[in-house]
Protein backbone atom coordinates (compact mmCIF):
# COMPACT_ATOMS: atom_id res chain seq x y z
CA SER A 1 151.24 107.16 116.77
CA CYS A 2 155.01 107.19 116.29
CA ALA A 3 157.29 106.44 119.24
CA SER A 4 159.01 109.39 120.88
CA ARG A 5 162.26 109.11 122.78
CA GLY A 6 162.90 110.69 126.14
CA ALA A 7 165.62 110.71 128.78
CA VAL A 8 166.78 107.46 130.35
CA ARG A 9 166.84 107.61 134.17
CA GLU A 10 168.65 105.66 136.82
CA VAL A 11 166.71 103.64 139.38
CA ASP A 12 167.88 101.66 142.35
CA ALA A 13 164.93 99.29 142.77
CA HIS A 14 164.47 96.21 140.62
CA ILE A 15 161.58 96.88 138.27
CA ARG A 16 159.28 94.13 137.03
CA VAL A 17 159.00 93.95 133.25
CA ALA A 18 156.76 92.27 130.71
CA GLN A 19 157.37 91.35 127.08
CA ILE A 20 155.21 92.60 124.24
CA THR A 21 153.57 89.57 122.65
CA ASN A 22 152.39 89.11 119.07
CA GLY A 23 149.58 86.72 118.29
CA TYR A 24 145.95 85.77 118.83
CA PHE A 25 143.88 87.78 121.30
CA ARG A 26 140.26 87.50 122.39
CA PHE A 27 138.47 90.11 124.45
CA ASP A 28 137.01 87.89 127.15
CA VAL A 29 135.16 90.03 129.67
CA HIS A 30 134.67 88.65 133.15
CA ALA A 31 131.65 89.77 135.10
CA THR A 32 129.27 88.76 137.86
CA GLY A 33 125.51 88.60 137.81
CA LYS A 34 122.33 87.35 139.41
CA LEU A 35 119.48 85.31 138.00
CA ARG A 36 116.16 87.06 137.68
CA SER A 37 112.93 86.37 135.85
CA THR A 38 111.57 88.57 133.09
CA ASN A 39 108.05 87.35 133.96
CA THR A 40 107.31 87.84 137.64
CA SER A 41 103.93 88.44 139.28
CA LEU A 42 103.92 90.33 142.56
CA ARG A 43 101.36 89.08 145.10
CA THR A 44 100.11 91.56 147.70
CA ALA A 45 97.92 91.42 150.77
CA PRO A 46 94.32 92.17 149.75
CA PRO A 47 92.85 95.66 150.36
CA SER A 48 90.41 94.36 152.96
CA GLY A 49 89.41 97.80 154.20
CA GLY A 50 90.24 96.74 157.73
CA GLY A 51 93.38 96.57 159.84
CA ALA A 52 96.40 94.24 159.71
CA LEU A 53 96.01 90.82 158.14
CA GLN A 54 97.45 87.65 159.64
CA PHE A 55 98.99 84.76 157.69
CA ILE A 56 97.38 81.38 158.42
CA ARG A 57 99.02 79.57 155.48
CA LEU A 58 101.99 80.51 153.32
CA LEU A 59 103.78 78.36 150.75
CA PRO A 60 107.55 78.41 151.37
CA THR A 61 110.02 79.88 148.90
CA GLY A 62 110.80 77.51 146.05
CA THR A 63 107.37 75.84 145.97
CA ALA A 64 106.22 75.11 142.41
CA VAL A 65 102.66 76.29 141.72
CA LYS A 66 100.21 76.29 138.83
CA ALA A 67 98.05 79.22 137.79
CA GLY A 68 95.11 79.40 140.20
CA ASP A 69 96.85 77.66 143.12
CA VAL A 70 96.55 79.33 146.53
CA VAL A 71 99.88 80.87 147.56
CA VAL A 72 98.81 82.70 150.74
CA ASP A 73 95.85 82.37 153.10
CA PHE A 74 94.97 85.23 155.45
CA ASP A 75 92.74 84.93 158.51
CA PRO A 76 89.18 85.75 157.31
CA SER A 77 87.68 86.09 160.84
CA GLU A 78 87.14 89.85 160.61
CA GLN A 79 85.50 89.58 157.21
CA GLU A 80 83.32 86.68 158.37
CA TYR A 81 82.19 88.84 161.30
CA ASN A 82 81.43 91.67 158.85
CA LEU A 83 79.43 89.21 156.73
CA ALA A 84 77.39 88.07 159.73
CA GLN A 85 76.77 91.69 160.76
CA SER A 86 75.69 92.62 157.23
CA GLN A 87 73.38 89.59 157.11
CA SER A 88 71.83 90.74 160.37
CA ASP A 89 71.38 94.24 158.93
CA LEU A 90 69.75 92.68 155.87
CA ASN A 91 67.26 90.73 157.99
CA GLU A 92 66.46 93.83 160.02
CA ALA A 93 65.92 95.90 156.87
CA GLN A 94 63.62 93.23 155.44
CA GLN A 95 61.60 93.26 158.65
CA GLU A 96 61.40 97.06 158.58
CA ILE A 97 60.15 96.97 154.99
CA SER A 98 57.53 94.38 155.89
CA LYS A 99 56.42 96.40 158.94
CA ALA A 100 56.35 99.65 156.95
CA LYS A 101 54.17 98.06 154.30
CA ASP A 102 51.84 96.60 156.95
CA ASP A 103 51.61 99.96 158.72
CA ALA A 104 50.87 101.64 155.40
CA ALA A 105 48.11 99.12 154.67
CA VAL A 106 46.53 99.62 158.12
CA GLN A 107 46.81 103.39 157.81
CA SER A 108 45.25 103.28 154.34
CA ALA A 109 42.34 101.16 155.62
CA GLU A 110 41.78 103.54 158.51
CA ASP A 111 41.91 106.52 156.17
CA GLN A 112 39.42 104.93 153.79
CA THR A 113 37.03 104.24 156.66
CA ALA A 114 37.37 107.81 157.89
CA LEU A 115 36.87 109.07 154.35
CA LEU A 116 33.58 107.18 154.05
CA THR A 117 32.43 108.46 157.45
CA ASP A 118 33.35 112.09 156.74
CA THR A 119 31.89 111.97 153.24
CA PHE A 120 28.63 110.63 154.70
CA ALA A 121 28.69 113.41 157.32
CA VAL A 122 28.96 116.02 154.57
CA ARG A 123 26.02 114.48 152.70
CA GLN A 124 23.93 114.48 155.86
CA ALA A 125 24.81 118.11 156.54
CA GLU A 126 23.86 119.03 152.99
CA LEU A 127 20.46 117.34 153.42
CA GLN A 128 19.89 119.30 156.59
CA VAL A 129 20.76 122.55 154.84
CA SER A 130 18.26 121.72 152.09
CA LYS A 131 15.48 121.90 154.77
CA ASN A 132 16.48 125.39 155.93
CA GLU A 133 13.45 127.04 154.22
CA LEU A 134 11.22 125.21 156.61
CA LEU A 135 13.30 126.01 159.68
CA SER A 136 13.82 129.02 161.82
CA ALA A 137 16.71 131.32 161.09
CA ILE A 138 18.64 130.01 164.10
CA ASP A 139 18.27 126.33 163.09
CA ALA A 140 19.11 127.18 159.49
CA LYS A 141 22.28 128.91 160.67
CA LYS A 142 23.20 125.83 162.74
CA ASN A 143 22.80 123.58 159.70
CA ILE A 144 25.04 125.80 157.60
CA LEU A 145 27.68 125.83 160.32
CA ALA A 146 27.43 122.03 160.62
CA LEU A 147 27.91 121.65 156.85
CA ASP A 148 30.93 123.93 156.86
CA GLU A 149 32.49 121.90 159.69
CA ALA A 150 31.81 118.59 157.94
CA LYS A 151 33.44 119.91 154.76
CA ARG A 152 36.43 121.19 156.74
CA VAL A 153 36.86 117.82 158.46
CA LEU A 154 36.66 116.02 155.09
CA ALA A 155 39.20 118.38 153.51
CA GLN A 156 41.55 117.91 156.47
CA LEU A 157 41.19 114.14 156.20
CA ARG A 158 42.11 114.22 152.54
CA GLN A 159 45.22 116.28 153.37
CA ASP A 160 46.08 113.85 156.15
CA MET A 161 45.62 110.93 153.77
CA GLN A 162 48.14 112.46 151.33
CA SER A 163 50.53 113.02 154.22
CA HIS A 164 50.08 109.43 155.40
CA ILE A 165 50.78 108.12 151.88
CA ALA A 166 53.97 110.21 151.60
CA SER A 167 55.12 109.25 155.11
CA ASN A 168 54.52 105.54 154.54
CA LYS A 169 56.27 105.69 151.18
CA ALA A 170 59.29 107.40 152.78
CA ALA A 171 59.43 104.75 155.51
CA ILE A 172 59.40 101.97 152.93
CA THR A 173 62.04 103.77 150.83
CA LEU A 174 64.30 104.25 153.87
CA ALA A 175 63.99 100.60 154.81
CA GLY A 176 64.72 99.71 151.16
CA GLN A 177 67.91 101.79 151.25
CA LYS A 178 69.01 99.97 154.39
CA LEU A 179 68.28 96.72 152.57
CA ASP A 180 70.40 97.77 149.56
CA LYS A 181 73.24 98.86 151.83
CA ALA A 182 73.14 95.54 153.67
CA ARG A 183 73.22 93.65 150.36
CA LEU A 184 76.23 95.68 149.19
CA SER A 185 77.98 95.01 152.50
CA ILE A 186 77.29 91.31 152.15
CA GLY A 187 78.74 91.30 148.64
CA GLU A 188 81.80 93.25 149.80
CA ALA A 189 82.33 90.93 152.77
CA ARG A 190 82.06 87.84 150.57
CA LYS A 191 84.49 89.39 148.09
CA ASN A 192 86.92 90.18 150.90
CA ILE A 193 86.63 86.65 152.28
CA ALA A 194 87.45 85.25 148.84
CA SER A 195 90.41 87.66 148.56
CA MET A 196 91.92 86.22 151.74
CA GLU A 197 93.12 83.44 149.43
CA VAL A 198 95.90 84.95 147.30
CA ARG A 199 96.35 82.85 144.16
CA ALA A 200 99.07 82.46 141.55
CA PRO A 201 98.17 84.04 138.18
CA ILE A 202 100.88 82.07 136.33
CA ASP A 203 102.83 78.83 136.62
CA GLY A 204 106.08 79.33 138.48
CA LEU A 205 107.94 79.29 141.77
CA VAL A 206 106.98 81.06 144.97
CA VAL A 207 109.44 83.57 146.41
CA VAL A 208 108.29 84.88 149.79
CA SER A 209 108.98 88.57 150.47
CA GLY A 210 111.08 89.88 153.35
CA ASN A 211 109.26 91.05 156.45
CA TRP A 212 110.55 94.59 156.90
CA GLN A 213 108.35 94.99 159.99
CA ALA A 214 110.50 92.38 161.77
CA SER A 215 113.17 95.08 162.20
CA GLY A 216 110.70 97.60 163.54
CA GLY A 217 110.26 99.23 160.14
CA ILE A 218 113.96 100.16 159.95
CA PHE A 219 115.97 99.02 156.93
CA PHE A 220 119.48 99.86 155.76
CA SER A 221 121.68 98.74 152.86
CA GLY A 222 123.09 95.23 153.27
CA MET A 223 120.52 94.23 155.85
CA THR A 224 118.95 90.77 155.46
CA LEU A 225 115.26 90.59 156.27
CA PRO A 226 113.56 87.39 157.46
CA GLN A 227 110.85 86.12 155.16
CA PHE A 228 107.21 86.23 156.16
CA GLN A 229 105.91 83.17 157.97
CA VAL A 230 102.62 81.88 159.38
CA GLY A 231 101.44 84.08 162.25
CA ASP A 232 103.01 87.30 160.95
CA GLN A 233 100.83 90.31 160.28
CA VAL A 234 100.93 92.69 157.34
CA GLY A 235 99.01 95.74 156.21
CA PRO A 236 96.57 95.63 153.27
CA GLY A 237 98.30 96.12 149.92
CA SER A 238 101.77 95.12 151.20
CA PRO A 239 103.93 92.82 149.00
CA VAL A 240 103.97 89.28 150.41
CA ALA A 241 105.39 87.05 147.65
CA ASP A 242 106.38 86.78 144.00
CA VAL A 243 105.41 84.05 141.59
CA VAL A 244 108.36 83.68 139.22
CA ASP A 245 108.21 82.07 135.79
CA ILE A 246 111.46 80.06 135.73
CA GLY A 247 111.03 79.52 131.99
CA SER A 248 111.89 83.19 131.43
CA LEU A 249 115.02 83.42 133.55
CA ALA A 250 117.77 85.86 132.55
CA ILE A 251 120.92 87.13 134.22
CA ALA A 252 121.37 90.73 135.31
CA GLY A 253 125.12 91.17 134.85
CA GLN A 254 127.50 93.80 136.18
CA VAL A 255 130.32 94.62 133.74
CA ALA A 256 133.23 96.92 134.55
CA GLN A 257 132.86 100.29 132.86
CA ALA A 258 136.26 99.87 131.20
CA ASP A 259 134.95 96.75 129.39
CA ARG A 260 131.81 98.43 128.05
CA THR A 261 133.23 98.86 124.54
CA ASN A 262 134.44 95.25 124.41
CA ILE A 263 131.04 93.57 124.50
CA GLN A 264 128.19 93.71 122.01
CA GLU A 265 124.66 92.38 121.84
CA GLY A 266 124.75 88.77 120.64
CA ASP A 267 128.18 87.95 122.09
CA PRO A 268 128.30 84.38 123.47
CA VAL A 269 128.62 83.97 127.21
CA GLU A 270 129.89 81.14 129.42
CA ILE A 271 127.91 80.96 132.66
CA ARG A 272 128.77 79.26 135.92
CA ILE A 273 126.18 79.27 138.69
CA ASP A 274 127.64 79.39 142.20
CA ALA A 275 124.83 77.24 143.60
CA ILE A 276 125.38 74.51 140.94
CA PRO A 277 129.13 73.78 141.05
CA GLY A 278 130.64 71.95 138.11
CA ALA A 279 127.90 72.93 135.65
CA THR A 280 128.52 75.34 132.77
CA PHE A 281 125.70 77.03 130.88
CA THR A 282 125.76 79.09 127.73
CA GLY A 283 123.93 82.26 126.79
CA LYS A 284 124.10 85.46 124.79
CA VAL A 285 124.29 89.15 125.59
CA ALA A 286 120.77 90.51 125.14
CA SER A 287 121.38 94.15 126.03
CA VAL A 288 124.09 96.46 127.35
CA ALA A 289 123.37 99.74 129.10
CA GLY A 290 124.74 102.83 127.42
CA ILE A 291 126.24 104.31 130.57
CA ALA A 292 127.37 103.03 133.94
CA GLY A 293 125.15 103.39 136.95
CA GLY A 294 126.33 105.55 139.79
CA GLY A 295 125.39 106.99 143.12
CA PHE A 296 124.56 110.55 144.12
CA PHE A 297 127.84 111.90 142.70
CA GLY A 298 127.72 109.82 139.50
CA PRO A 299 129.71 106.71 138.53
CA GLY A 300 133.17 106.28 140.01
CA VAL A 301 136.26 104.40 138.87
CA ASN A 302 134.65 101.09 139.88
CA ALA A 303 131.33 101.83 138.20
CA LYS A 304 129.47 98.92 136.62
CA VAL A 305 127.42 98.71 133.44
CA GLU A 306 124.13 96.81 133.57
CA THR A 307 124.04 93.90 131.12
CA THR A 308 121.27 91.37 130.44
CA ILE A 309 122.23 87.79 129.53
CA HIS A 310 119.69 85.33 128.10
CA ILE A 311 120.33 81.67 128.87
CA ASP A 312 120.30 79.37 125.82
CA HIS A 313 118.81 76.33 127.56
CA PRO A 314 117.05 77.02 130.90
CA ASP A 315 117.61 74.34 133.52
CA PRO A 316 114.99 73.34 136.16
CA ARG A 317 117.70 73.64 138.82
CA LEU A 318 118.02 77.36 138.21
CA ARG A 319 116.34 79.70 140.65
CA PRO A 320 115.92 83.49 140.80
CA GLY A 321 118.50 85.08 143.04
CA PHE A 322 121.31 82.60 142.25
CA SER A 323 124.61 84.39 141.71
CA ALA A 324 126.57 83.73 138.51
CA GLN A 325 130.11 84.09 137.21
CA LEU A 326 130.14 85.25 133.59
CA VAL A 327 132.70 85.19 130.79
CA VAL A 328 131.62 87.16 127.74
CA LEU A 329 133.49 85.75 124.73
CA GLY A 330 134.22 88.95 122.88
CA LYS A 331 135.98 90.05 119.71
CA GLN A 332 138.82 87.85 118.36
CA LEU A 333 141.95 89.40 116.82
CA GLN A 334 144.86 87.80 114.98
CA ASN A 335 148.49 88.99 114.82
CA VAL A 336 148.18 91.85 117.32
CA LEU A 337 150.60 93.26 119.89
CA SER A 338 149.49 93.15 123.52
CA ILE A 339 150.91 93.99 126.92
CA PRO A 340 149.52 94.03 130.46
CA ARG A 341 147.39 97.08 131.07
CA GLU A 342 149.56 98.08 134.03
CA ALA A 343 152.45 98.70 131.62
CA VAL A 344 150.59 101.63 130.01
CA PHE A 345 150.75 104.99 131.76
CA ASP A 346 148.99 108.33 131.38
CA LEU A 347 145.80 106.81 129.93
CA THR A 348 143.95 110.14 130.13
CA GLY A 349 146.51 112.00 128.04
CA THR A 350 149.14 110.60 125.69
CA PRO A 351 149.60 106.91 126.56
CA LYS A 352 153.16 105.76 126.93
CA VAL A 353 155.22 102.81 128.09
CA TYR A 354 158.74 102.51 129.51
CA VAL A 355 160.89 100.37 127.21
CA LYS A 356 163.87 98.51 128.71
CA SER A 357 167.01 100.03 127.21
CA GLY A 358 170.22 98.50 128.40
CA SER A 359 170.24 98.84 132.15
CA GLY A 360 167.54 101.51 132.19
CA PHE A 361 164.16 102.45 130.77
CA GLU A 362 163.15 104.90 128.08
CA PRO A 363 159.60 106.39 127.74
CA ARG A 364 157.87 105.76 124.41
CA ASN A 365 154.47 106.94 123.16
CA VAL A 366 152.15 104.19 121.92
CA LYS A 367 148.78 103.94 120.21
CA ILE A 368 146.17 101.92 122.09
CA ARG A 369 143.86 99.97 119.81
CA TYR A 370 141.83 98.16 122.47
CA LEU A 371 141.83 98.19 126.23
CA THR A 372 140.46 95.80 128.84
CA ASP A 373 140.82 95.76 132.59
CA ALA A 374 143.86 93.46 132.25
CA THR A 375 145.31 93.91 128.73
CA ALA A 376 146.14 96.65 126.23
CA VAL A 377 146.40 96.01 122.48
CA ILE A 378 148.88 98.54 121.09
CA ASP A 379 150.74 99.79 117.99
CA GLY A 380 154.09 101.52 117.86
CA LEU A 381 156.54 98.95 119.28
CA ALA A 382 158.05 95.66 118.19
CA ALA A 383 157.17 92.23 119.52
CA ARG A 384 159.33 90.87 122.37
CA THR A 385 160.18 94.39 123.51
CA GLU A 386 160.38 94.48 127.32
CA VAL A 387 158.41 97.21 129.09
CA ALA A 388 158.22 98.21 132.75
CA LEU A 389 155.21 97.29 134.86
CA VAL A 390 155.82 100.25 137.19
CA ASN A 391 156.75 103.83 136.44
CA PRO A 392 160.58 104.08 136.65
CA GLU A 393 160.42 107.87 136.90
CA GLN A 394 158.63 107.58 140.22
CA GLN A 395 161.58 105.57 141.53
CA ASN A 396 164.23 107.91 140.08
CA THR A 397 167.27 108.52 142.31
CA GLY A 398 169.80 109.80 139.81
CA PRO A 399 169.97 112.60 137.26
CA ALA A 400 168.54 112.19 133.79
CA LYS A 401 171.00 111.08 131.10
CA PRO A 402 170.82 111.97 127.40
CA ALA A 403 168.88 109.40 125.41
CA ALA A 404 171.86 108.91 123.06
CA SER A 405 174.27 108.00 125.88
CA ALA A 406 174.58 104.55 127.34
CA PRO A 407 171.79 103.78 129.82
CA VAL A 408 172.94 103.68 133.41
CA LEU A 409 169.69 102.61 135.16
CA GLY A 410 169.66 99.67 137.47
CA PRO A 411 168.69 96.36 135.88
CA GLY A 412 164.99 95.53 135.61
CA GLY A 413 163.58 92.28 136.95
CA ARG A 414 160.51 90.27 136.27
């Protein structure tokens, strides 16, 4: 946009100035970040079905493991007791089945004997009835009554035999159900005992979780939790450790919201790890969030944009959680005008600068091409022009003078 002239004002205070420079400019964006792995396996306490579990062995943070290695051992005493109890229930059920079958066999033998006896009694009674023509009416009546009773007893026995068969079958079935339940309990107990050994599913490094119960279950932002250690207890299903694949490390970066437009996917990055002084790593921007993260009321003036950096050549010294200092090597421009960002005012409306004019300063509108947290690339002024680094109008002590008249502001200083 074209420059516009305004009134020149007097000031008493010395005002720092900067000179507009013309030349090469690169949009280096400085940021911070933290190493994290894109391939992490969370290890949890097994769902034992019981109460709290106690650590009896726990690999310390930083231990290298292979897939299948034991990371955590929990005390299996409760599950071993459950296994012994289930084994006892199994033995008892087997004995009940054996006894029920023996009782059924004895009952069946007794019923068969009774059946033979009662069947014979009916046959005898029938023979006696067949002689009734030769007997008196009273004796004939007695024989008929005796036959009826023998038949009734035989019929009752046959009903009882069916009842005995059903009862014995039910007893055997019930004992069989107890046996099946005991077998299931044994299998569950053995499975739970095996689950007391928590193994690594991948090659990587162990990172032990924080024991939030150490603070009484109370946690607040910024609080540092002690890691779990042998002897601690934890509930089933609680996170206890991570196994981190260090071959897939990346950096979760935090870029100032003002620099969001100055970085692109694929930009090269210089990386310095705080825990490895003197070493410089290289990487590339893998992704940049579209908007800045914020709290309950949205992002503020210091909001950060989430950025993912992939490291070109992973180093075995790198560990998840290490903090990093990042320099994103951004766009390069030739023959451009730039000034410190603090020399540009009214960024939300029409940007302007205060140009040194004689002994005072004159406001000029400028066009901002690019903006970082430290520098503004502009159009609309000449190189070597001196501009104020503070707003002279806010330090005004004298009346405004016409722009055409000689400036009467106090001299500016660097």
